[in-house]
Amino acid sequence: MRVRGLKFLFVFLGSWPSVDIDYLDEIEHLARRNFNILIMIRHVFFENGETPGDVGERWETAKKGIEPYMDNIIGFYVDEPIWTGKSQEAFHYACQTVRRDFPDRKMVAMLMYDSVLKSGIINTRIKDIDPREYCKYCTDVGFDFYHKWDKDTLIKNISLLSVH
């Protein structure tokens, strides 16, 4: 796998029970234009925050659908898994499964900033979750920050993140 330039796009894989052909068409369109693609896997691996009983079938269907585009797929991700209530056990299963099947691809968690800091300002349940333990099977972790960015805030946030 090689990363070409900085052309990235996040693509939903579609919702179960099918891998929506519109999403596969979008992936094909992006691959033809040499985009690097991260695939959202929440519809495959989670149902009400837990691992669905038919996850094996879902994952096999998804893998078959994206197989022709693997040269452009640089990884897989879940957006804000803590905030949206994905159990740690289900999240670990998803990450380990993806990494087992695609060891040379990224497994990314995009966390809400509050999840990283465990402040509980937005969601008090987050205080009980250790983001390092939760994301231990990810290759990369990012975060969303919904505040004004300025130099002082950025420096403060970097120092806070290094603690957590």
Protein backbone atom coordinates (compact mmCIF):
# COMPACT_ATOMS: atom_id res chain seq x y z
CA MET A 1 0.00 0.00 0.00
CA ARG A 2 1.32 3.44 -0.83
CA VAL A 3 -0.22 6.76 0.07
CA ARG A 4 -0.34 9.09 -2.90
CA GLY A 5 -0.48 12.79 -2.13
CA LEU A 6 -2.92 14.20 0.34
CA LYS A 7 -6.19 13.32 -1.35
CA PHE A 8 -8.26 11.60 1.33
CA LEU A 9 -11.92 10.87 1.58
CA PHE A 10 -13.94 9.08 4.21
CA VAL A 11 -16.57 6.76 2.75
CA PHE A 12 -19.44 5.03 4.51
CA LEU A 13 -19.61 1.40 3.52
CA GLY A 14 -23.39 1.45 3.46
CA SER A 15 -25.94 0.18 5.86
CA TRP A 16 -26.73 -3.42 6.56
CA PRO A 17 -28.24 -5.70 5.25
CA SER A 18 -26.50 -4.83 2.01
CA VAL A 19 -23.40 -3.03 1.00
CA ASP A 20 -25.18 -0.26 -0.85
CA ILE A 21 -24.17 -0.19 -4.51
CA ASP A 22 -24.14 3.63 -4.41
CA TYR A 23 -21.29 3.48 -1.91
CA LEU A 24 -19.37 1.00 -4.01
CA ASP A 25 -19.91 3.25 -7.02
CA GLU A 26 -18.52 6.15 -4.99
CA ILE A 27 -15.51 4.09 -3.93
CA GLU A 28 -14.88 3.09 -7.55
CA HIS A 29 -15.17 6.73 -8.66
CA LEU A 30 -12.63 7.83 -6.05
CA ALA A 31 -10.26 4.95 -6.75
CA ARG A 32 -10.18 5.83 -10.47
CA ARG A 33 -9.05 9.31 -9.43
CA ASN A 34 -6.35 7.92 -7.11
CA PHE A 35 -7.91 9.09 -3.85
CA ASN A 36 -6.75 7.50 -0.61
CA ILE A 37 -9.88 6.11 1.00
CA LEU A 38 -10.78 5.40 4.62
CA ILE A 39 -13.83 3.18 4.98
CA MET A 40 -16.34 3.75 7.80
CA ILE A 41 -17.21 0.34 9.26
CA ARG A 42 -19.86 1.19 11.85
CA HIS A 43 -22.73 -0.36 9.87
CA VAL A 44 -20.83 -3.61 9.54
CA PHE A 45 -19.58 -4.13 13.10
CA PHE A 46 -22.14 -2.45 15.34
CA GLU A 47 -25.81 -2.62 16.13
CA ASN A 48 -27.04 -0.61 19.10
CA GLY A 49 -23.43 -0.31 20.24
CA GLU A 50 -22.80 -4.05 20.31
CA THR A 51 -21.48 -6.70 17.92
CA PRO A 52 -24.40 -8.10 15.89
CA GLY A 53 -24.88 -11.85 15.69
CA ASP A 54 -24.41 -11.84 11.92
CA VAL A 55 -21.22 -9.76 11.95
CA GLY A 56 -19.25 -12.50 10.19
CA GLU A 57 -21.62 -12.45 7.22
CA ARG A 58 -21.65 -8.66 7.20
CA TRP A 59 -17.86 -8.45 7.20
CA GLU A 60 -17.44 -11.07 4.46
CA THR A 61 -19.96 -9.22 2.28
CA ALA A 62 -18.18 -5.93 2.88
CA LYS A 63 -14.74 -7.40 2.11
CA LYS A 64 -15.98 -8.84 -1.18
CA GLY A 65 -17.50 -5.50 -2.15
CA ILE A 66 -14.36 -3.46 -1.52
CA GLU A 67 -11.80 -6.02 -2.73
CA PRO A 68 -11.34 -4.44 -6.20
CA TYR A 69 -10.40 -1.11 -4.59
CA MET A 70 -7.87 -2.23 -1.98
CA ASP A 71 -5.01 -0.41 -3.73
CA ASN A 72 -6.73 2.85 -2.77
CA ILE A 73 -8.17 1.87 0.61
CA ILE A 74 -5.63 2.94 3.20
CA GLY A 75 -7.70 1.93 6.18
CA PHE A 76 -10.92 1.69 8.11
CA TYR A 77 -12.41 3.90 10.79
CA VAL A 78 -15.16 4.43 13.31
CA ASP A 79 -16.32 7.95 14.07
CA GLU A 80 -16.74 8.87 17.74
CA PRO A 81 -17.22 5.30 19.01
CA ILE A 82 -17.15 6.22 22.70
CA TRP A 83 -19.58 9.11 22.40
CA THR A 84 -21.98 7.08 20.25
CA GLY A 85 -22.05 4.23 22.76
CA LYS A 86 -20.02 1.47 21.11
CA SER A 87 -19.11 -0.95 23.87
CA GLN A 88 -15.40 -1.47 24.43
CA GLU A 89 -15.79 -5.20 23.80
CA ALA A 90 -17.54 -4.61 20.45
CA PHE A 91 -15.02 -1.94 19.46
CA HIS A 92 -12.08 -4.20 20.31
CA TYR A 93 -13.63 -7.02 18.28
CA ALA A 94 -14.06 -4.72 15.25
CA CYS A 95 -10.50 -3.38 15.46
CA GLN A 96 -8.94 -6.80 15.94
CA THR A 97 -10.96 -8.28 13.07
CA VAL A 98 -9.99 -5.50 10.67
CA ARG A 99 -6.33 -5.67 11.67
CA ARG A 100 -6.28 -9.46 11.34
CA ASP A 101 -7.75 -9.33 7.84
CA PHE A 102 -5.90 -6.19 6.68
CA PRO A 103 -2.69 -5.96 8.75
CA ASP A 104 -1.12 -3.44 6.38
CA ARG A 105 -4.04 -0.98 6.62
CA LYS A 106 -4.90 1.65 9.22
CA MET A 107 -7.58 1.14 11.87
CA VAL A 108 -8.61 4.62 12.98
CA ALA A 109 -10.80 5.88 15.79
CA MET A 110 -11.95 9.46 15.43
CA LEU A 111 -12.86 10.50 18.96
CA MET A 112 -14.79 13.43 20.26
CA TYR A 113 -12.33 15.67 22.13
CA ASP A 114 -14.25 15.17 25.39
CA SER A 115 -13.66 11.41 25.06
CA VAL A 116 -9.92 11.94 24.93
CA LEU A 117 -9.84 14.19 27.97
CA LYS A 118 -12.48 12.22 29.90
CA SER A 119 -13.85 15.52 31.19
CA GLY A 120 -17.47 14.45 31.09
CA ILE A 121 -18.50 17.96 30.07
CA ILE A 122 -20.61 16.69 27.20
CA ASN A 123 -21.32 13.11 28.26
CA THR A 124 -20.82 12.05 31.87
CA ARG A 125 -20.60 8.36 30.90
CA ILE A 126 -17.30 9.12 29.18
CA LYS A 127 -15.57 9.69 32.53
CA ASP A 128 -15.71 5.94 33.16
CA ILE A 129 -13.88 5.02 29.95
CA ASP A 130 -10.10 5.06 29.52
CA PRO A 131 -9.53 6.12 25.90
CA ARG A 132 -6.07 4.52 25.84
CA GLU A 133 -7.50 1.14 26.77
CA TYR A 134 -10.52 1.62 24.53
CA CYS A 135 -8.35 2.42 21.48
CA LYS A 136 -5.48 0.03 22.15
CA TYR A 137 -6.13 -1.95 18.93
CA CYS A 138 -6.20 1.14 16.72
CA THR A 139 -3.25 2.14 14.59
CA ASP A 140 -4.27 5.81 14.71
CA VAL A 141 -6.50 8.00 16.85
CA GLY A 142 -7.78 11.43 15.91
CA PHE A 143 -10.24 13.74 17.54
CA ASP A 144 -12.90 16.25 16.67
CA PHE A 145 -12.63 19.61 18.38
CA TYR A 146 -15.68 21.85 18.11
CA HIS A 147 -14.20 25.05 19.49
CA LYS A 148 -12.41 28.08 18.13
CA TRP A 149 -8.78 27.30 17.37
CA ASP A 150 -6.17 29.84 18.37
CA LYS A 151 -2.50 29.54 19.32
CA ASP A 152 -3.01 29.56 23.11
CA THR A 153 -5.87 27.07 22.94
CA LEU A 154 -3.87 24.83 20.63
CA ILE A 155 -0.86 24.79 22.98
CA LYS A 156 -3.12 24.07 25.97
CA ASN A 157 -4.91 21.25 24.12
CA ILE A 158 -1.67 19.60 23.04
CA SER A 159 -0.45 19.60 26.63
CA LEU A 160 -3.75 18.12 27.82
CA LEU A 161 -3.66 15.41 25.16
CA SER A 162 -0.13 14.40 26.11
CA VAL A 163 -1.40 13.75 29.65
CA HIS A 164 -4.30 11.63 28.45
